[in-house]
Amino acid sequence: MKIGLFLLLLAASSLAQDPADARIDASCGPNGMNFEMKPAKNPQPPPPLSAGQARVYVLQDDDSFQSVTKPTTRVGLDGQWVGATHGDSYVYFPVDPGEHHVCASWQAWGNLKAGDKTLTLTLKTVAGRVYYCRVKDVYRPDHVPPTPKLETLDFDAGHILAETFSLSLFQPLQKK
């Protein structure tokens, strides 16, 4: 009897969860969260690293994306959204040393629903170091479907690419 009641309560609580709050992957934030993004006009250099922390940059590279409209990429870390990028831009954030799970997930774009293009990677960080991850978006309307790729870059390649991109200023969109 107690087991049946427990299972009934468990099922009821899962049905009550808002589907927009469901996660695509444990690395990402709620799938229903979307962002508005614009490039920074005159970005300031990042602040010095706090003692005992590392910094992660996530860059959205749309150089091979042959479409007038570009996807907005939500960036997650360890189950929480930490930013968004759009068209050759980047975000950065501090992390504690250790293993982290990075997520890159497109918001709705064209015929794709939010979360249809989601990628993750594991990143092991050390205090005092800077890490770069790139979301390489590829699309050619004639024969290549829209495809993102998430990868780490070495420091020099990431730093050079970030110098040519815009810092992303983002804010969550209000749920309707």
Protein backbone atom coordinates (compact mmCIF):
# COMPACT_ATOMS: atom_id res chain seq x y z
CA MET A 1 0.00 0.00 0.00
CA LYS A 2 2.77 2.46 0.95
CA ILE A 3 4.71 1.64 -2.22
CA GLY A 4 1.61 2.27 -4.36
CA LEU A 5 1.01 5.64 -2.68
CA PHE A 6 4.67 6.59 -3.18
CA LEU A 7 4.53 5.73 -6.90
CA LEU A 8 1.28 7.67 -7.30
CA LEU A 9 2.80 10.77 -5.67
CA LEU A 10 5.96 10.44 -7.77
CA ALA A 11 3.93 10.21 -11.00
CA ALA A 12 1.78 13.21 -10.01
CA SER A 13 4.82 15.37 -9.27
CA SER A 14 6.40 14.55 -12.63
CA LEU A 15 3.15 15.39 -14.43
CA ALA A 16 2.98 18.73 -12.63
CA GLN A 17 6.43 19.78 -13.90
CA ASP A 18 6.31 22.48 -16.56
CA PRO A 19 7.62 20.93 -19.83
CA ALA A 20 9.40 24.22 -20.58
CA ASP A 21 11.54 23.60 -17.50
CA ALA A 22 12.66 20.16 -18.74
CA ARG A 23 16.34 19.90 -19.52
CA ILE A 24 17.63 18.62 -22.85
CA ASP A 25 20.78 17.38 -21.12
CA ALA A 26 22.08 17.60 -17.57
CA SER A 27 24.68 20.13 -18.79
CA CYS A 28 22.02 22.55 -20.07
CA GLY A 29 19.48 24.79 -18.39
CA PRO A 30 15.68 24.53 -18.82
CA ASN A 31 14.74 24.10 -22.49
CA GLY A 32 12.03 26.77 -22.24
CA MET A 33 14.53 29.52 -21.38
CA ASN A 34 15.45 31.74 -24.34
CA PHE A 35 17.70 34.76 -24.61
CA GLU A 36 17.84 38.06 -26.42
CA MET A 37 21.33 39.00 -27.49
CA LYS A 38 23.17 41.99 -28.92
CA PRO A 39 26.86 42.65 -29.48
CA ALA A 40 28.72 44.96 -27.10
CA LYS A 41 29.67 48.26 -28.75
CA ASN A 42 32.84 48.96 -26.74
CA PRO A 43 33.58 45.91 -24.60
CA GLN A 44 35.89 46.35 -21.66
CA PRO A 45 38.64 43.79 -21.16
CA PRO A 46 37.61 41.00 -18.81
CA PRO A 47 38.43 41.55 -15.15
CA PRO A 48 41.45 39.75 -13.72
CA LEU A 49 40.75 36.18 -12.68
CA SER A 50 39.76 35.76 -9.06
CA ALA A 51 42.16 33.68 -7.01
CA GLY A 52 41.44 30.00 -7.38
CA GLN A 53 39.30 30.33 -10.53
CA ALA A 54 39.62 29.69 -14.25
CA ARG A 55 37.81 31.42 -17.12
CA VAL A 56 35.91 29.77 -19.98
CA TYR A 57 35.08 31.46 -23.27
CA VAL A 58 32.44 30.03 -25.59
CA LEU A 59 32.62 31.42 -29.13
CA GLN A 60 29.95 31.05 -31.81
CA ASP A 61 31.67 30.83 -35.21
CA ASP A 62 29.23 31.33 -38.09
CA ASP A 63 31.87 31.72 -40.82
CA SER A 64 30.56 28.57 -42.58
CA PHE A 65 26.87 29.32 -42.02
CA GLN A 66 25.39 30.44 -45.34
CA SER A 67 22.11 31.95 -44.21
CA VAL A 68 21.02 35.53 -43.68
CA THR A 69 19.55 34.62 -40.30
CA LYS A 70 21.84 32.94 -37.79
CA PRO A 71 20.84 30.75 -34.86
CA THR A 72 21.13 31.99 -31.30
CA THR A 73 23.09 29.55 -29.17
CA ARG A 74 22.32 29.15 -25.49
CA VAL A 75 25.40 28.32 -23.40
CA GLY A 76 25.05 26.13 -20.35
CA LEU A 77 27.42 25.02 -17.63
CA ASP A 78 26.71 22.23 -15.17
CA GLY A 79 22.93 22.42 -15.65
CA GLN A 80 22.46 26.20 -15.72
CA TRP A 81 22.34 28.63 -18.62
CA VAL A 82 25.23 31.10 -18.33
CA GLY A 83 24.80 33.06 -21.54
CA ALA A 84 23.90 33.21 -25.21
CA THR A 85 25.71 34.01 -28.45
CA HIS A 86 24.62 34.95 -31.94
CA GLY A 87 26.63 35.33 -35.14
CA ASP A 88 30.38 35.48 -34.46
CA SER A 89 30.19 36.46 -30.82
CA TYR A 90 31.33 35.07 -27.48
CA VAL A 91 30.55 34.89 -23.78
CA TYR A 92 32.91 34.21 -20.93
CA PHE A 93 32.43 33.20 -17.32
CA PRO A 94 34.51 32.16 -14.30
CA VAL A 95 34.60 28.56 -13.11
CA ASP A 96 36.07 26.77 -10.14
CA PRO A 97 38.80 24.23 -10.88
CA GLY A 98 37.60 20.73 -11.72
CA GLU A 99 35.39 18.91 -14.17
CA HIS A 100 32.60 20.89 -15.83
CA HIS A 101 29.93 20.04 -18.38
CA VAL A 102 29.47 22.62 -21.13
CA CYS A 103 26.31 22.77 -23.24
CA ALA A 104 25.60 24.60 -26.50
CA SER A 105 21.98 24.50 -27.65
CA TRP A 106 20.26 26.41 -30.42
CA GLN A 107 17.08 28.29 -29.65
CA ALA A 108 14.31 27.75 -32.19
CA TRP A 109 15.60 28.53 -35.69
CA GLY A 110 13.83 27.93 -38.99
CA ASN A 111 12.02 24.57 -38.78
CA LEU A 112 14.03 23.52 -35.73
CA LYS A 113 12.60 23.63 -32.23
CA ALA A 114 14.66 24.85 -29.30
CA GLY A 115 16.99 22.09 -28.25
CA ASP A 116 16.96 20.22 -31.59
CA LYS A 117 20.65 21.06 -32.02
CA THR A 118 22.31 20.50 -28.66
CA LEU A 119 25.92 19.57 -27.99
CA THR A 120 27.88 18.95 -24.81
CA LEU A 121 31.47 18.42 -23.78
CA THR A 122 33.38 17.80 -20.59
CA LEU A 123 36.02 20.36 -19.66
CA LYS A 124 38.59 19.90 -16.89
CA THR A 125 39.80 23.26 -15.62
CA VAL A 126 42.75 24.38 -13.52
CA ALA A 127 42.82 27.58 -11.47
CA GLY A 128 44.49 30.52 -13.20
CA ARG A 129 43.99 29.19 -16.74
CA VAL A 130 41.78 30.35 -19.61
CA TYR A 131 39.86 27.89 -21.81
CA TYR A 132 38.18 28.37 -25.16
CA CYS A 133 35.29 26.37 -26.63
CA ARG A 134 33.91 26.97 -30.11
CA VAL A 135 30.45 26.33 -31.51
CA LYS A 136 31.18 25.97 -35.23
CA ASP A 137 27.89 26.37 -37.13
CA VAL A 138 27.81 24.91 -40.65
CA TYR A 139 25.03 25.31 -43.20
CA ARG A 140 24.91 25.34 -46.99
CA PRO A 141 21.32 25.49 -48.29
CA ASP A 142 22.19 23.47 -51.40
CA HIS A 143 23.29 20.29 -49.61
CA VAL A 144 24.39 20.61 -45.98
CA PRO A 145 21.73 20.63 -43.25
CA PRO A 146 22.25 23.08 -40.38
CA THR A 147 24.78 21.49 -38.06
CA PRO A 148 26.67 22.83 -35.05
CA LYS A 149 29.90 21.33 -33.70
CA LEU A 150 31.21 22.00 -30.17
CA GLU A 151 34.95 21.70 -29.61
CA THR A 152 37.75 23.00 -27.44
CA LEU A 153 40.41 25.23 -28.95
CA ASP A 154 43.98 25.70 -27.82
CA PHE A 155 44.68 28.99 -26.06
CA ASP A 156 46.30 30.77 -29.02
CA ALA A 157 43.61 29.83 -31.57
CA GLY A 158 40.82 30.73 -29.13
CA HIS A 159 42.39 34.04 -28.14
CA ILE A 160 42.89 35.10 -31.78
CA LEU A 161 39.32 34.14 -32.71
CA ALA A 162 37.87 35.98 -29.69
CA GLU A 163 39.77 39.13 -30.75
CA THR A 164 37.83 39.15 -34.04
CA PHE A 165 34.39 38.44 -32.52
CA SER A 166 31.99 40.59 -30.49
CA LEU A 167 31.26 40.17 -26.82
CA SER A 168 27.66 39.03 -26.44
CA LEU A 169 25.38 41.02 -24.17
CA PHE A 170 22.43 38.80 -23.35
CA GLN A 171 19.33 38.78 -21.21
CA PRO A 172 16.60 36.19 -20.70
CA LEU A 173 13.42 36.71 -22.67
CA GLN A 174 10.28 36.93 -20.60
CA LYS A 175 8.11 33.81 -20.78
CA LYS A 176 4.81 34.43 -22.52
